[in-house]
């Protein structure tokens, strides 16, 4: 089984409890979950005093190819490769594979100059090197960048960034240099979004609220673009409640789209999943038999809740 979508729920860096890992397989009817011991970290200083998220998540990404093996063997005796530090920053998003085969992944050193780091691998993840950086201005607009990259049909790269809503930057040399990060015309709260190219070649955007309205962390919706983000169609309502945040997703080989997100993070810590097809997102409503919404993947027990 190829587990391509994961989420690590960490209840405090000083807590010696394991990381509960939730893995969603596009090949199966439901998510798979497992408790894994905390990953060993390289002996490097944290990104900021008291914050070791950067090393944790970079380390978790590096171990990702072993996840199917670990899930099958269970949490009693997992086998991990030795941790290897890839670089500075906080890694929250999956790599983007370019048409030439390069892998690009982004990390952020929050609130710093050239905070967005773009790392590249030309050997399918065996090695990574810093390829370029993007700078968020003015400095007071900086925060958790949470950038995502897609390659456009003309070969240029489009990066969306969380910065007082949505901001954007472009690269025309494979990620070496980036235009100034500027405010996007897409309305959005200061919160995470999800952007990915679908198997059809169209783009999928999961965001909060309609295309003409800036909302709070509510009204999670899915849109489709046929023209590399110039215009968007649809608006499938994934979850209209307040406190729905941090969408991420994957598309199965049959075209089914799986989106995972959290709800009421404190105190419930609920992780939910939405399942739908591109046609549903484009229509803004369920038009296929694939649609399943608000499927619970995990939720904190009363003992785990703050």
Protein backbone atom coordinates (compact mmCIF):
# COMPACT_ATOMS: atom_id res chain seq x y z
CA UNK A 1 0.00 0.00 0.00
CA UNK A 2 1.37 3.39 -0.95
CA UNK A 3 0.61 5.89 1.81
CA UNK A 4 0.97 9.25 0.15
CA UNK A 5 -0.75 11.61 2.56
CA UNK A 6 0.22 12.06 6.19
CA UNK A 7 -0.24 14.33 9.15
CA UNK A 8 1.80 14.44 12.34
CA UNK A 9 0.02 15.67 15.43
CA UNK A 10 2.54 16.84 18.01
CA UNK A 11 1.39 17.82 21.49
CA UNK A 12 4.36 19.96 22.55
CA UNK A 13 8.06 19.67 21.84
CA UNK A 14 8.91 18.99 25.49
CA UNK A 15 6.39 16.15 25.84
CA UNK A 16 7.96 12.69 25.62
CA UNK A 17 4.84 11.14 24.09
CA UNK A 18 4.99 9.58 20.62
CA UNK A 19 3.88 11.27 17.43
CA UNK A 20 0.48 9.96 16.33
CA UNK A 21 0.75 9.62 12.58
CA UNK A 22 -2.37 9.60 10.43
CA UNK A 23 -1.82 8.28 6.91
CA UNK A 24 -4.42 8.44 4.16
CA UNK A 25 -4.18 6.00 1.28
CA UNK A 26 -5.83 6.93 -2.04
CA UNK A 27 -5.96 3.21 -2.82
CA UNK A 28 -8.19 2.27 0.10
CA UNK A 29 -11.69 3.16 1.28
CA UNK A 30 -10.57 4.75 4.56
CA UNK A 31 -7.51 6.21 6.28
CA UNK A 32 -4.93 4.14 8.10
CA UNK A 33 -3.47 5.28 11.39
CA UNK A 34 -0.57 4.22 13.55
CA UNK A 35 1.26 5.39 16.67
CA UNK A 36 4.94 5.76 15.99
CA UNK A 37 7.73 6.59 18.45
CA UNK A 38 9.15 10.08 18.18
CA UNK A 39 11.67 10.32 15.37
CA UNK A 40 15.32 10.76 16.37
CA UNK A 41 16.58 14.18 15.37
CA UNK A 42 19.95 15.27 14.13
CA UNK A 43 22.05 17.07 16.71
CA UNK A 44 21.48 20.56 15.35
CA UNK A 45 20.27 23.77 16.98
CA UNK A 46 16.56 24.55 16.58
CA UNK A 47 15.31 27.15 14.13
CA UNK A 48 14.40 29.51 16.95
CA UNK A 49 14.79 29.31 20.74
CA UNK A 50 12.40 26.68 22.08
CA UNK A 51 11.16 25.69 18.62
CA UNK A 52 12.37 22.49 16.96
CA UNK A 53 9.51 22.10 14.49
CA UNK A 54 11.86 22.67 11.58
CA UNK A 55 14.07 19.68 12.26
CA UNK A 56 11.12 17.51 13.21
CA UNK A 57 9.24 18.09 10.00
CA UNK A 58 12.26 18.01 7.72
CA UNK A 59 13.21 14.74 9.40
CA UNK A 60 9.70 13.39 8.99
CA UNK A 61 9.74 14.21 5.29
CA UNK A 62 13.07 12.48 4.84
CA UNK A 63 11.72 9.29 6.40
CA UNK A 64 8.50 9.35 4.39
CA UNK A 65 9.52 6.65 1.86
CA UNK A 66 9.65 4.14 4.72
CA UNK A 67 6.11 4.80 5.94
CA UNK A 68 4.39 1.91 4.11
CA UNK A 69 6.90 -0.52 5.67
CA UNK A 70 6.30 0.92 9.14
CA UNK A 71 2.52 0.87 8.84
CA UNK A 72 2.52 -2.80 7.77
CA UNK A 73 4.86 -3.86 10.58
CA UNK A 74 2.97 -1.92 13.24
CA UNK A 75 4.28 0.49 15.84
CA UNK A 76 6.03 -2.11 18.04
CA UNK A 77 9.27 -2.32 16.10
CA UNK A 78 9.48 0.43 13.45
CA UNK A 79 12.62 0.70 11.34
CA UNK A 80 13.84 4.16 10.44
CA UNK A 81 16.88 5.25 8.48
CA UNK A 82 19.34 7.56 10.21
CA UNK A 83 18.05 11.17 10.29
CA UNK A 84 19.73 13.62 7.96
CA UNK A 85 19.30 17.36 8.19
CA UNK A 86 18.19 18.92 4.91
CA UNK A 87 18.33 22.59 5.80
CA UNK A 88 16.96 25.45 7.87
CA UNK A 89 13.33 26.24 8.36
CA UNK A 90 9.91 24.77 8.96
CA UNK A 91 8.70 22.29 6.35
CA UNK A 92 4.92 21.95 6.12
CA UNK A 93 4.22 20.92 2.52
CA UNK A 94 4.96 18.10 0.13
CA UNK A 95 7.53 18.49 -2.65
CA UNK A 96 6.56 19.61 -6.15
CA UNK A 97 7.92 17.47 -9.00
CA UNK A 98 8.80 19.54 -12.07
CA UNK A 99 8.48 18.44 -15.68
CA UNK A 100 12.26 17.89 -15.86
CA UNK A 101 12.12 15.53 -12.86
CA UNK A 102 13.49 17.95 -10.24
CA UNK A 103 11.91 17.92 -6.80
CA UNK A 104 11.30 21.29 -5.14
CA UNK A 105 10.34 21.67 -1.50
CA UNK A 106 9.88 24.83 0.49
CA UNK A 107 10.75 25.64 4.08
CA UNK A 108 10.42 28.86 6.03
CA UNK A 109 12.48 30.65 8.64
CA UNK A 110 9.60 32.70 9.91
CA UNK A 111 9.77 36.50 10.00
CA UNK A 112 13.32 36.68 8.63
CA UNK A 113 14.80 38.22 5.47
CA UNK A 114 14.49 35.81 2.53
CA UNK A 115 12.42 33.63 4.83
CA UNK A 116 11.20 31.25 2.12
CA UNK A 117 13.83 28.68 1.16
CA UNK A 118 13.43 26.56 -1.97
CA UNK A 119 15.41 23.31 -1.85
CA UNK A 120 15.89 21.15 -4.92
CA UNK A 121 16.74 17.52 -5.55
CA UNK A 122 17.83 16.28 -8.96
CA UNK A 123 18.17 12.65 -7.80
CA UNK A 124 14.68 11.88 -6.47
CA UNK A 125 15.34 12.88 -2.89
CA UNK A 126 18.75 11.33 -2.29
CA UNK A 127 20.29 14.79 -1.92
CA UNK A 128 18.91 18.31 -1.58
CA UNK A 129 20.52 21.71 -2.11
CA UNK A 130 19.28 25.25 -1.59
CA UNK A 131 18.26 26.58 -5.00
CA UNK A 132 16.75 29.97 -4.18
CA UNK A 133 14.89 32.17 -1.71
CA UNK A 134 11.87 34.47 -1.76
CA UNK A 135 11.55 37.58 0.37
CA UNK A 136 8.35 38.81 2.03
CA UNK A 137 8.08 42.61 2.26
CA UNK A 138 7.32 44.72 4.17
CA UNK A 139 8.82 43.03 7.24
CA UNK A 140 5.64 43.55 9.26
CA UNK A 141 3.78 41.33 6.76
CA UNK A 142 5.98 38.36 7.62
CA UNK A 143 4.75 35.38 9.56
CA UNK A 144 4.25 31.63 9.00
CA UNK A 145 4.79 31.63 5.21
CA UNK A 146 3.51 28.10 4.45
CA UNK A 147 4.35 28.40 0.70
CA UNK A 148 3.22 26.02 -2.05
CA UNK A 149 4.62 25.80 -5.60
CA UNK A 150 3.04 24.69 -8.86
CA UNK A 151 4.72 24.60 -12.27
CA UNK A 152 2.73 26.43 -14.93
CA UNK A 153 2.31 25.23 -18.48
CA UNK A 154 4.84 27.78 -19.77
CA UNK A 155 7.50 26.31 -17.45
CA UNK A 156 7.43 29.15 -14.92
CA UNK A 157 6.76 28.50 -11.24
CA UNK A 158 3.94 30.04 -9.21
CA UNK A 159 4.26 30.15 -5.44
CA UNK A 160 1.35 31.05 -3.17
CA UNK A 161 2.29 32.31 0.28
CA UNK A 162 0.40 32.90 3.50
CA UNK A 163 1.01 36.58 4.28
CA UNK A 164 -1.85 38.64 5.70
CA UNK A 165 -4.09 36.59 3.46
CA UNK A 166 -2.64 35.20 0.22
CA UNK A 167 0.46 36.54 -1.51
CA UNK A 168 2.32 35.27 -4.57
CA UNK A 169 5.68 35.19 -6.30
CA UNK A 170 6.96 33.80 -9.61
CA UNK A 171 10.17 32.19 -10.88
CA UNK A 172 11.22 31.75 -14.49
CA UNK A 173 14.52 29.98 -13.90
CA UNK A 174 13.46 26.82 -12.09
CA UNK A 175 13.32 28.38 -8.62
CA UNK A 176 16.71 30.14 -8.50
CA UNK A 177 15.26 33.66 -8.37
CA UNK A 178 11.79 34.88 -7.40
CA UNK A 179 9.85 38.08 -8.00
CA UNK A 180 8.93 40.22 -4.98
CA UNK A 181 6.21 38.57 -2.89
CA UNK A 182 3.06 40.60 -3.52
CA UNK A 183 -0.55 40.39 -2.42
CA UNK A 184 -2.70 38.00 -4.46
CA UNK A 185 -6.11 39.02 -5.79
CA UNK A 186 -7.61 35.87 -4.25
CA UNK A 187 -9.30 36.83 -0.95
CA UNK A 188 -8.33 34.68 2.02
CA UNK A 189 -7.73 34.92 5.76
CA UNK A 190 -4.27 34.57 7.24
CA UNK A 191 -4.44 30.79 7.23
CA UNK A 192 -3.17 27.78 5.33
CA UNK A 193 -4.54 26.87 1.89
CA UNK A 194 -3.91 23.98 -0.50
CA UNK A 195 -2.78 24.26 -4.15
CA UNK A 196 -1.92 21.36 -6.44
CA UNK A 197 -2.05 20.35 -10.10
CA UNK A 198 -4.50 17.57 -10.87
CA UNK A 199 -4.00 14.63 -13.22
CA UNK A 200 -6.19 16.43 -15.78
CA UNK A 201 -3.64 19.25 -15.91
CA UNK A 202 -5.96 21.68 -14.16
CA UNK A 203 -5.25 23.29 -10.79
CA UNK A 204 -7.08 22.61 -7.54
CA UNK A 205 -7.30 25.29 -4.85
CA UNK A 206 -8.78 24.63 -1.42
CA UNK A 207 -9.35 27.89 0.46
CA UNK A 208 -11.62 29.59 2.95
CA UNK A 209 -14.69 31.23 1.49
CA UNK A 210 -15.98 32.16 -1.98
CA UNK A 211 -13.80 33.79 -4.63
CA UNK A 212 -15.26 37.25 -3.93
CA UNK A 213 -15.26 37.16 -0.12
CA UNK A 214 -12.62 37.22 2.58
CA UNK A 215 -13.85 35.10 5.47
CA UNK A 216 -12.39 33.81 8.70
CA UNK A 217 -11.25 30.24 9.27
CA UNK A 218 -14.52 28.80 8.03
CA UNK A 219 -16.26 27.83 4.77
CA UNK A 220 -13.58 25.49 3.43
CA UNK A 221 -14.19 25.24 -0.34
CA UNK A 222 -12.59 23.64 -3.42
CA UNK A 223 -12.11 25.38 -6.79
CA UNK A 224 -10.69 24.34 -10.18
CA UNK A 225 -8.73 26.43 -12.72
CA UNK A 226 -8.23 25.56 -16.41
CA UNK A 227 -5.85 28.46 -17.09
CA UNK A 228 -3.09 28.14 -14.47
CA UNK A 229 -4.88 30.19 -11.84
CA UNK A 230 -6.04 33.18 -13.89
CA UNK A 231 -9.68 32.22 -13.31
CA UNK A 232 -11.42 29.70 -11.04
CA UNK A 233 -14.63 27.71 -11.29
CA UNK A 234 -16.89 25.91 -8.87
CA UNK A 235 -16.62 26.05 -5.12
CA UNK A 236 -17.51 22.71 -3.56
CA UNK A 237 -18.40 23.31 0.08
CA UNK A 238 -16.14 20.94 2.00
CA UNK A 239 -16.98 22.16 5.51
CA UNK A 240 -18.84 25.37 6.29
CA UNK A 241 -18.23 25.39 10.05
CA UNK A 242 -15.93 27.75 11.91
CA UNK A 243 -12.50 26.54 13.07
CA UNK A 244 -11.79 24.36 10.01
CA UNK A 245 -8.15 24.82 9.07
CA UNK A 246 -4.98 23.49 7.44
CA UNK A 247 -6.20 21.59 4.36
CA UNK A 248 -3.85 19.27 2.51
CA UNK A 249 -4.55 16.69 -0.15
CA UNK A 250 -3.66 14.08 -2.70
CA UNK A 251 -5.26 12.65 -5.83
CA UNK A 252 -5.55 8.92 -6.40
CA UNK A 253 -4.76 7.19 -9.68
CA UNK A 254 -8.49 6.95 -10.41
CA UNK A 255 -8.85 10.72 -10.11
CA UNK A 256 -10.44 10.75 -6.67
CA UNK A 257 -9.34 13.74 -4.57
CA UNK A 258 -8.68 13.32 -0.84
CA UNK A 259 -8.48 16.42 1.34
CA UNK A 260 -7.55 16.24 5.02
CA UNK A 261 -7.94 19.12 7.47
CA UNK A 262 -8.47 19.81 11.15
CA UNK A 263 -11.52 21.04 13.02
CA UNK A 264 -11.71 22.73 16.41
CA UNK A 265 -8.05 22.05 17.04
CA UNK A 266 -8.41 23.08 20.66
CA UNK A 267 -9.82 21.21 22.50
CA UNK A 268 -11.09 18.51 20.12
CA UNK A 269 -8.04 18.09 17.87
CA UNK A 270 -10.24 16.53 15.20
CA UNK A 271 -8.75 15.50 11.84
CA UNK A 272 -11.32 15.14 9.08
CA UNK A 273 -11.28 14.03 5.45
CA UNK A 274 -13.25 15.03 2.37
CA UNK A 275 -13.44 12.84 -0.75
CA UNK A 276 -14.64 14.11 -4.11
CA UNK A 277 -13.85 14.31 -7.84
CA UNK A 278 -12.69 17.22 -9.97
CA UNK A 279 -16.18 17.36 -11.47
CA UNK A 280 -17.69 18.00 -8.05
CA UNK A 281 -15.29 20.86 -7.31
CA UNK A 282 -15.93 22.39 -10.74
CA UNK A 283 -19.70 22.18 -10.35
CA UNK A 284 -19.63 23.49 -6.79
CA UNK A 285 -21.82 20.60 -5.66
CA UNK A 286 -21.90 16.81 -5.64
CA UNK A 287 -22.41 15.55 -9.20
CA UNK A 288 -20.64 12.19 -8.81
CA UNK A 289 -21.07 9.29 -6.42
CA UNK A 290 -17.58 9.86 -4.95
CA UNK A 291 -18.43 12.63 -2.52
CA UNK A 292 -17.91 11.98 1.21
CA UNK A 293 -17.58 14.94 3.53
CA UNK A 294 -16.57 15.41 7.19
CA UNK A 295 -15.21 11.88 7.52
CA UNK A 296 -13.50 11.62 10.91
CA UNK A 297 -9.94 10.34 10.74
CA UNK A 298 -8.82 11.02 14.30
CA UNK A 299 -9.77 12.98 17.38
CA UNK A 300 -8.00 13.64 20.67
CA UNK A 301 -9.22 11.61 23.60
CA UNK A 302 -10.18 13.40 26.79
CA UNK A 303 -6.84 12.39 28.28
CA UNK A 304 -4.92 13.96 25.39
CA UNK A 305 -6.95 17.16 25.12
CA UNK A 306 -5.47 20.27 26.77
